[in-house]
Amino acid sequence: EDSFAIMDRALEHGINFWDTADVYGWKLGE
């Protein structure tokens, strides 16, 4: 829920460049 709020606010500010990775969350394979 808080992640959604952060992404909404990023778009409000015009931040269009978002970075992630397949291992983020740190639960193997999830």
PDB file of all heavy atoms in Angstrom:
ATOM      1  N   GLU A   1       0.826  -1.207   0.000  1.00  0.00           N
ATOM      2  CA  GLU A   1       0.000   0.000   0.000  1.00  0.00           C
ATOM      3  C   GLU A   1       0.865   1.264   0.000  1.00  0.00           C
ATOM      4  O   GLU A   1       0.602   2.215  -0.764  1.00  0.00           O
ATOM      5  CB  GLU A   1      -0.928   0.000   1.222  1.00  0.00           C
ATOM      6  CG  GLU A   1      -1.970  -1.090   1.234  1.00  0.00           C
ATOM      7  CD  GLU A   1      -1.430  -2.461   1.586  1.00  0.00           C
ATOM      8  OE1 GLU A   1      -0.300  -2.535   2.146  1.00  0.00           O
ATOM      9  OE2 GLU A   1      -2.112  -3.467   1.315  1.00  0.00           O
ATOM     10  N   ASP A   2       1.887   1.278   0.848  1.00  0.00           N
ATOM     11  CA  ASP A   2       2.776   2.442   0.895  1.00  0.00           C
ATOM     12  C   ASP A   2       3.623   2.536  -0.373  1.00  0.00           C
ATOM     13  O   ASP A   2       3.957   3.643  -0.827  1.00  0.00           O
ATOM     14  CB  ASP A   2       3.685   2.376   2.121  1.00  0.00           C
ATOM     15  CG  ASP A   2       2.928   2.624   3.426  1.00  0.00           C
ATOM     16  OD1 ASP A   2       1.810   3.174   3.351  1.00  0.00           O
ATOM     17  OD2 ASP A   2       3.441   2.258   4.495  1.00  0.00           O
ATOM     18  N   SER A   3       3.968   1.394  -0.951  1.00  0.00           N
ATOM     19  CA  SER A   3       4.705   1.391  -2.214  1.00  0.00           C
ATOM     20  C   SER A   3       3.863   2.021  -3.315  1.00  0.00           C
ATOM     21  O   SER A   3       4.370   2.798  -4.135  1.00  0.00           O
ATOM     22  CB  SER A   3       5.090  -0.040  -2.601  1.00  0.00           C
ATOM     23  OG  SER A   3       5.916  -0.637  -1.622  1.00  0.00           O
ATOM     24  N   PHE A   4       2.579   1.694  -3.342  1.00  0.00           N
ATOM     25  CA  PHE A   4       1.671   2.303  -4.318  1.00  0.00           C
ATOM     26  C   PHE A   4       1.649   3.818  -4.151  1.00  0.00           C
ATOM     27  O   PHE A   4       1.668   4.570  -5.131  1.00  0.00           O
ATOM     28  CB  PHE A   4       0.252   1.740  -4.151  1.00  0.00           C
ATOM     29  CG  PHE A   4       0.020   0.405  -4.798  1.00  0.00           C
ATOM     30  CD1 PHE A   4       1.056  -0.494  -4.985  1.00  0.00           C
ATOM     31  CD2 PHE A   4      -1.250   0.041  -5.213  1.00  0.00           C
ATOM     32  CE1 PHE A   4       0.842  -1.728  -5.570  1.00  0.00           C
ATOM     33  CE2 PHE A   4      -1.484  -1.187  -5.810  1.00  0.00           C
ATOM     34  CZ  PHE A   4      -0.436  -2.077  -5.982  1.00  0.00           C
ATOM     35  N   ALA A   5       1.594   4.275  -2.903  1.00  0.00           N
ATOM     36  CA  ALA A   5       1.553   5.720  -2.636  1.00  0.00           C
ATOM     37  C   ALA A   5       2.830   6.396  -3.130  1.00  0.00           C
ATOM     38  O   ALA A   5       2.785   7.497  -3.699  1.00  0.00           O
ATOM     39  CB  ALA A   5       1.360   5.969  -1.137  1.00  0.00           C
ATOM     40  N   ILE A   6       3.967   5.745  -2.925  1.00  0.00           N
ATOM     41  CA  ILE A   6       5.240   6.299  -3.390  1.00  0.00           C
ATOM     42  C   ILE A   6       5.247   6.382  -4.911  1.00  0.00           C
ATOM     43  O   ILE A   6       5.669   7.394  -5.496  1.00  0.00           O
ATOM     44  CB  ILE A   6       6.419   5.453  -2.873  1.00  0.00           C
ATOM     45  CG1 ILE A   6       6.577   5.633  -1.363  1.00  0.00           C
ATOM     46  CG2 ILE A   6       7.713   5.826  -3.593  1.00  0.00           C
ATOM     47  CD1 ILE A   6       7.569   4.679  -0.721  1.00  0.00           C
ATOM     48  N   MET A   7       4.787   5.341  -5.579  1.00  0.00           N
ATOM     49  CA  MET A   7       4.770   5.360  -7.051  1.00  0.00           C
ATOM     50  C   MET A   7       3.804   6.408  -7.581  1.00  0.00           C
ATOM     51  O   MET A   7       4.098   7.093  -8.574  1.00  0.00           O
ATOM     52  CB  MET A   7       4.438   3.960  -7.579  1.00  0.00           C
ATOM     53  CG  MET A   7       5.579   2.974  -7.372  1.00  0.00           C
ATOM     54  SD  MET A   7       5.320   1.332  -8.119  1.00  0.00           S
ATOM     55  CE  MET A   7       4.328   0.519  -6.847  1.00  0.00           C
ATOM     56  N   ASP A   8       2.648   6.556  -6.925  1.00  0.00           N
ATOM     57  CA  ASP A   8       1.727   7.623  -7.321  1.00  0.00           C
ATOM     58  C   ASP A   8       2.393   8.991  -7.199  1.00  0.00           C
ATOM     59  O   ASP A   8       2.295   9.840  -8.101  1.00  0.00           O
ATOM     60  CB  ASP A   8       0.473   7.599  -6.442  1.00  0.00           C
ATOM     61  CG  ASP A   8      -0.567   6.588  -6.902  1.00  0.00           C
ATOM     62  OD1 ASP A   8      -0.563   6.226  -8.094  1.00  0.00           O
ATOM     63  OD2 ASP A   8      -1.393   6.166  -6.063  1.00  0.00           O
ATOM     64  N   ARG A   9       3.074   9.205  -6.065  1.00  0.00           N
ATOM     65  CA  ARG A   9       3.704  10.502  -5.838  1.00  0.00           C
ATOM     66  C   ARG A   9       4.840  10.734  -6.830  1.00  0.00           C
ATOM     67  O   ARG A   9       5.047  11.870  -7.298  1.00  0.00           O
ATOM     68  CB  ARG A   9       4.244  10.579  -4.406  1.00  0.00           C
ATOM     69  CG  ARG A   9       4.777  11.963  -4.015  1.00  0.00           C
ATOM     70  CD  ARG A   9       3.667  13.024  -3.983  1.00  0.00           C
ATOM     71  NE  ARG A   9       2.658  12.676  -3.014  1.00  0.00           N
ATOM     72  CZ  ARG A   9       2.720  12.971  -1.709  1.00  0.00           C
ATOM     73  NH1 ARG A   9       3.775  13.623  -1.217  1.00  0.00           N
ATOM     74  NH2 ARG A   9       1.748  12.648  -0.902  1.00  0.00           N
ATOM     75  N   ALA A  10       5.574   9.668  -7.176  1.00  0.00           N
ATOM     76  CA  ALA A  10       6.646   9.811  -8.167  1.00  0.00           C
ATOM     77  C   ALA A  10       6.089  10.313  -9.488  1.00  0.00           C
ATOM     78  O   ALA A  10       6.668  11.208 -10.125  1.00  0.00           O
ATOM     79  CB  ALA A  10       7.371   8.485  -8.355  1.00  0.00           C
ATOM     80  N   LEU A  11       4.962   9.771  -9.912  1.00  0.00           N
ATOM     81  CA  LEU A  11       4.350  10.222 -11.164  1.00  0.00           C
ATOM     82  C   LEU A  11       3.853  11.663 -11.039  1.00  0.00           C
ATOM     83  O   LEU A  11       3.953  12.444 -11.997  1.00  0.00           O
ATOM     84  CB  LEU A  11       3.211   9.295 -11.563  1.00  0.00           C
ATOM     85  CG  LEU A  11       3.615   7.886 -12.027  1.00  0.00           C
ATOM     86  CD1 LEU A  11       2.383   7.073 -12.425  1.00  0.00           C
ATOM     87  CD2 LEU A  11       4.595   7.948 -13.199  1.00  0.00           C
ATOM     88  N   GLU A  12       3.329  12.012  -9.875  1.00  0.00           N
ATOM     89  CA  GLU A  12       2.892  13.396  -9.660  1.00  0.00           C
ATOM     90  C   GLU A  12       4.057  14.362  -9.833  1.00  0.00           C
ATOM     91  O   GLU A  12       3.889  15.469 -10.368  1.00  0.00           O
ATOM     92  CB  GLU A  12       2.291  13.550  -8.260  1.00  0.00           C
ATOM     93  CG  GLU A  12       0.958  12.860  -8.071  1.00  0.00           C
ATOM     94  CD  GLU A  12       0.492  12.925  -6.617  1.00  0.00           C
ATOM     95  OE1 GLU A  12       1.086  13.718  -5.839  1.00  0.00           O
ATOM     96  OE2 GLU A  12      -0.442  12.189  -6.264  1.00  0.00           O
ATOM     97  N   HIS A  13       5.229  13.954  -9.394  1.00  0.00           N
ATOM     98  CA  HIS A  13       6.428  14.801  -9.496  1.00  0.00           C
ATOM     99  C   HIS A  13       7.071  14.716 -10.880  1.00  0.00           C
ATOM    100  O   HIS A  13       8.025  15.457 -11.152  1.00  0.00           O
ATOM    101  CB  HIS A  13       7.459  14.391  -8.447  1.00  0.00           C
ATOM    102  CG  HIS A  13       7.116  14.793  -7.047  1.00  0.00           C
ATOM    103  ND1 HIS A  13       6.751  16.085  -6.703  1.00  0.00           N
ATOM    104  CD2 HIS A  13       7.089  14.074  -5.887  1.00  0.00           C
ATOM    105  CE1 HIS A  13       6.520  16.143  -5.402  1.00  0.00           C
ATOM    106  NE2 HIS A  13       6.713  14.945  -4.888  1.00  0.00           N
ATOM    107  N   GLY A  14       6.606  13.820 -11.725  1.00  0.00           N
ATOM    108  CA  GLY A  14       7.209  13.679 -13.049  1.00  0.00           C
ATOM    109  C   GLY A  14       8.418  12.765 -13.069  1.00  0.00           C
ATOM    110  O   GLY A  14       9.182  12.778 -14.047  1.00  0.00           O
ATOM    111  N   ILE A  15       8.632  11.970 -12.014  1.00  0.00           N
ATOM    112  CA  ILE A  15       9.743  11.015 -12.008  1.00  0.00           C
ATOM    113  C   ILE A  15       9.323   9.812 -12.858  1.00  0.00           C
ATOM    114  O   ILE A  15       8.521   8.986 -12.428  1.00  0.00           O
ATOM    115  CB  ILE A  15      10.094  10.576 -10.568  1.00  0.00           C
ATOM    116  CG1 ILE A  15      10.543  11.788  -9.747  1.00  0.00           C
ATOM    117  CG2 ILE A  15      11.181   9.508 -10.584  1.00  0.00           C
ATOM    118  CD1 ILE A  15      10.800  11.485  -8.283  1.00  0.00           C
ATOM    119  N   ASN A  16       9.877   9.732 -14.051  1.00  0.00           N
ATOM    120  CA  ASN A  16       9.439   8.687 -14.992  1.00  0.00           C
ATOM    121  C   ASN A  16      10.424   7.527 -15.106  1.00  0.00           C
ATOM    122  O   ASN A  16      10.172   6.579 -15.852  1.00  0.00           O
ATOM    123  CB  ASN A  16       9.199   9.292 -16.384  1.00  0.00           C
ATOM    124  CG  ASN A  16      10.489   9.620 -17.116  1.00  0.00           C
ATOM    125  OD1 ASN A  16      11.522   9.910 -16.502  1.00  0.00           O
ATOM    126  ND2 ASN A  16      10.437   9.580 -18.445  1.00  0.00           N
ATOM    127  N   PHE A  17      11.539   7.575 -14.396  1.00  0.00           N
ATOM    128  CA  PHE A  17      12.591   6.570 -14.484  1.00  0.00           C
ATOM    129  C   PHE A  17      12.559   5.742 -13.208  1.00  0.00           C
ATOM    130  O   PHE A  17      12.847   6.254 -12.119  1.00  0.00           O
ATOM    131  CB  PHE A  17      13.940   7.280 -14.656  1.00  0.00           C
ATOM    132  CG  PHE A  17      15.075   6.391 -15.071  1.00  0.00           C
ATOM    133  CD1 PHE A  17      14.873   5.141 -15.630  1.00  0.00           C
ATOM    134  CD2 PHE A  17      16.394   6.828 -14.908  1.00  0.00           C
ATOM    135  CE1 PHE A  17      15.931   4.341 -16.021  1.00  0.00           C
ATOM    136  CE2 PHE A  17      17.464   6.036 -15.299  1.00  0.00           C
ATOM    137  CZ  PHE A  17      17.225   4.793 -15.846  1.00  0.00           C
ATOM    138  N   TRP A  18      12.198   4.432 -13.324  1.00  0.00           N
ATOM    139  CA  TRP A  18      12.047   3.573 -12.163  1.00  0.00           C
ATOM    140  C   TRP A  18      12.943   2.354 -12.327  1.00  0.00           C
ATOM    141  O   TRP A  18      12.981   1.728 -13.387  1.00  0.00           O
ATOM    142  CB  TRP A  18      10.598   3.120 -11.997  1.00  0.00           C
ATOM    143  CG  TRP A  18       9.618   4.233 -11.748  1.00  0.00           C
ATOM    144  CD1 TRP A  18       9.856   5.575 -11.771  1.00  0.00           C
ATOM    145  CD2 TRP A  18       8.227   4.075 -11.449  1.00  0.00           C
ATOM    146  NE1 TRP A  18       8.707   6.274 -11.497  1.00  0.00           N
ATOM    147  CE2 TRP A  18       7.681   5.380 -11.305  1.00  0.00           C
ATOM    148  CE3 TRP A  18       7.396   2.972 -11.295  1.00  0.00           C
ATOM    149  CZ2 TRP A  18       6.335   5.587 -11.013  1.00  0.00           C
ATOM    150  CZ3 TRP A  18       6.051   3.184 -11.005  1.00  0.00           C
ATOM    151  CH2 TRP A  18       5.533   4.481 -10.863  1.00  0.00           C
ATOM    152  N   ASP A  19      13.621   1.983 -11.247  1.00  0.00           N
ATOM    153  CA  ASP A  19      14.567   0.874 -11.290  1.00  0.00           C
ATOM    154  C   ASP A  19      14.202  -0.210 -10.283  1.00  0.00           C
ATOM    155  O   ASP A  19      13.847   0.080  -9.146  1.00  0.00           O
ATOM    156  CB  ASP A  19      15.978   1.389 -10.971  1.00  0.00           C
ATOM    157  CG  ASP A  19      17.004   0.263 -10.935  1.00  0.00           C
ATOM    158  OD1 ASP A  19      17.380  -0.223 -12.015  1.00  0.00           O
ATOM    159  OD2 ASP A  19      17.405  -0.128  -9.828  1.00  0.00           O
ATOM    160  N   THR A  20      14.308  -1.468 -10.716  1.00  0.00           N
ATOM    161  CA  THR A  20      14.073  -2.598  -9.838  1.00  0.00           C
ATOM    162  C   THR A  20      15.008  -3.734 -10.234  1.00  0.00           C
ATOM    163  O   THR A  20      15.931  -3.538 -11.025  1.00  0.00           O
ATOM    164  CB  THR A  20      12.586  -3.019  -9.867  1.00  0.00           C
ATOM    165  OG1 THR A  20      12.343  -3.948  -8.821  1.00  0.00           O
ATOM    166  CG2 THR A  20      12.198  -3.609 -11.217  1.00  0.00           C
ATOM    167  N   ALA A  21      14.781  -4.923  -9.680  1.00  0.00           N
ATOM    168  CA  ALA A  21      15.573  -6.100 -10.035  1.00  0.00           C
ATOM    169  C   ALA A  21      14.782  -7.350  -9.696  1.00  0.00           C
ATOM    170  O   ALA A  21      13.912  -7.334  -8.811  1.00  0.00           O
ATOM    171  CB  ALA A  21      16.914  -6.113  -9.298  1.00  0.00           C
ATOM    172  N   ASP A  22      15.112  -8.443 -10.385  1.00  0.00           N
ATOM    173  CA  ASP A  22      14.379  -9.688 -10.172  1.00  0.00           C
ATOM    174  C   ASP A  22      14.559 -10.254  -8.770  1.00  0.00           C
ATOM    175  O   ASP A  22      13.727 -11.029  -8.305  1.00  0.00           O
ATOM    176  CB  ASP A  22      14.771 -10.737 -11.218  1.00  0.00           C
ATOM    177  CG  ASP A  22      16.274 -10.988 -11.307  1.00  0.00           C
ATOM    178  OD1 ASP A  22      17.036 -10.407 -10.496  1.00  0.00           O
ATOM    179  OD2 ASP A  22      16.690 -11.753 -12.193  1.00  0.00           O
ATOM    180  N   VAL A  23      15.635  -9.889  -8.070  1.00  0.00           N
ATOM    181  CA  VAL A  23      15.883 -10.427  -6.731  1.00  0.00           C
ATOM    182  C   VAL A  23      15.403  -9.520  -5.600  1.00  0.00           C
ATOM    183  O   VAL A  23      15.474  -9.902  -4.432  1.00  0.00           O
ATOM    184  CB  VAL A  23      17.385 -10.735  -6.525  1.00  0.00           C
ATOM    185  CG1 VAL A  23      17.818 -11.877  -7.414  1.00  0.00           C
ATOM    186  CG2 VAL A  23      18.237  -9.490  -6.778  1.00  0.00           C
ATOM    187  N   TYR A  24      14.920  -8.324  -5.915  1.00  0.00           N
ATOM    188  CA  TYR A  24      14.472  -7.436  -4.852  1.00  0.00           C
ATOM    189  C   TYR A  24      13.250  -8.041  -4.159  1.00  0.00           C
ATOM    190  O   TYR A  24      12.359  -8.590  -4.807  1.00  0.00           O
ATOM    191  CB  TYR A  24      14.134  -6.055  -5.392  1.00  0.00           C
ATOM    192  CG  TYR A  24      15.337  -5.240  -5.821  1.00  0.00           C
ATOM    193  CD1 TYR A  24      15.178  -4.023  -6.456  1.00  0.00           C
ATOM    194  CD2 TYR A  24      16.628  -5.685  -5.584  1.00  0.00           C
ATOM    195  CE1 TYR A  24      16.278  -3.259  -6.858  1.00  0.00           C
ATOM    196  CE2 TYR A  24      17.727  -4.945  -5.979  1.00  0.00           C
ATOM    197  CZ  TYR A  24      17.545  -3.737  -6.621  1.00  0.00           C
ATOM    198  OH  TYR A  24      18.626  -2.995  -7.015  1.00  0.00           O
ATOM    199  N   GLY A  25      13.230  -7.899  -2.863  1.00  0.00           N
ATOM    200  CA  GLY A  25      12.266  -8.585  -2.030  1.00  0.00           C
ATOM    201  C   GLY A  25      12.965  -9.658  -1.235  1.00  0.00           C
ATOM    202  O   GLY A  25      12.504 -10.068  -0.172  1.00  0.00           O
ATOM    203  N   TRP A  26      14.107 -10.128  -1.783  1.00  0.00           N
ATOM    204  CA  TRP A  26      15.046 -11.005  -1.094  1.00  0.00           C
ATOM    205  C   TRP A  26      14.416 -12.305  -0.605  1.00  0.00           C
ATOM    206  O   TRP A  26      14.799 -12.840   0.426  1.00  0.00           O
ATOM    207  CB  TRP A  26      15.750 -10.251   0.034  1.00  0.00           C
ATOM    208  CG  TRP A  26      16.252  -8.926  -0.445  1.00  0.00           C
ATOM    209  CD1 TRP A  26      15.829  -7.695  -0.060  1.00  0.00           C
ATOM    210  CD2 TRP A  26      17.245  -8.690  -1.461  1.00  0.00           C
ATOM    211  NE1 TRP A  26      16.496  -6.702  -0.748  1.00  0.00           N
ATOM    212  CE2 TRP A  26      17.371  -7.288  -1.614  1.00  0.00           C
ATOM    213  CE3 TRP A  26      18.034  -9.524  -2.250  1.00  0.00           C
ATOM    214  CZ2 TRP A  26      18.249  -6.692  -2.523  1.00  0.00           C
ATOM    215  CZ3 TRP A  26      18.907  -8.937  -3.160  1.00  0.00           C
ATOM    216  CH2 TRP A  26      19.013  -7.543  -3.287  1.00  0.00           C
ATOM    217  N   LYS A  27      13.428 -12.807  -1.358  1.00  0.00           N
ATOM    218  CA  LYS A  27      12.899 -14.153  -1.158  1.00  0.00           C
ATOM    219  C   LYS A  27      13.145 -14.909  -2.450  1.00  0.00           C
ATOM    220  O   LYS A  27      12.584 -14.545  -3.489  1.00  0.00           O
ATOM    221  CB  LYS A  27      11.409 -14.111  -0.809  1.00  0.00           C
ATOM    222  CG  LYS A  27      11.110 -13.477   0.539  1.00  0.00           C
ATOM    223  CD  LYS A  27       9.626 -13.537   0.867  1.00  0.00           C
ATOM    224  CE  LYS A  27       9.348 -12.937   2.239  1.00  0.00           C
ATOM    225  NZ  LYS A  27       7.901 -12.976   2.575  1.00  0.00           N
ATOM    226  N   LEU A  28      13.999 -15.908  -2.386  1.00  0.00           N
ATOM    227  CA  LEU A  28      14.516 -16.567  -3.579  1.00  0.00           C
ATOM    228  C   LEU A  28      13.408 -16.965  -4.550  1.00  0.00           C
ATOM    229  O   LEU A  28      12.529 -17.758  -4.221  1.00  0.00           O
ATOM    230  CB  LEU A  28      15.320 -17.804  -3.183  1.00  0.00           C
ATOM    231  CG  LEU A  28      16.091 -18.493  -4.310  1.00  0.00           C
ATOM    232  CD1 LEU A  28      17.191 -17.577  -4.834  1.00  0.00           C
ATOM    233  CD2 LEU A  28      16.690 -19.813  -3.817  1.00  0.00           C
ATOM    234  N   GLY A  29      13.474 -16.393  -5.745  1.00  0.00           N
ATOM    235  CA  GLY A  29      12.566 -16.765  -6.815  1.00  0.00           C
ATOM    236  C   GLY A  29      11.184 -16.157  -6.747  1.00  0.00           C
ATOM    237  O   GLY A  29      10.365 -16.393  -7.642  1.00  0.00           O
ATOM    238  N   GLU A  30      10.889 -15.357  -5.727  1.00  0.00           N
ATOM    239  CA  GLU A  30       9.517 -14.857  -5.571  1.00  0.00           C
ATOM    240  C   GLU A  30       9.263 -13.514  -6.238  1.00  0.00           C
ATOM    241  O   GLU A  30       8.115 -13.105  -6.387  1.00  0.00           O
ATOM    242  CB  GLU A  30       9.153 -14.776  -4.078  1.00  0.00           C
ATOM    243  CG  GLU A  30       9.078 -16.149  -3.413  1.00  0.00           C
ATOM    244  CD  GLU A  30       8.466 -16.086  -2.033  1.00  0.00           C
ATOM    245  OE1 GLU A  30       7.761 -15.105  -1.716  1.00  0.00           O
ATOM    246  OE2 GLU A  30       8.690 -17.040  -1.254  1.00  0.00           O
TER     247      GLU A  30
END
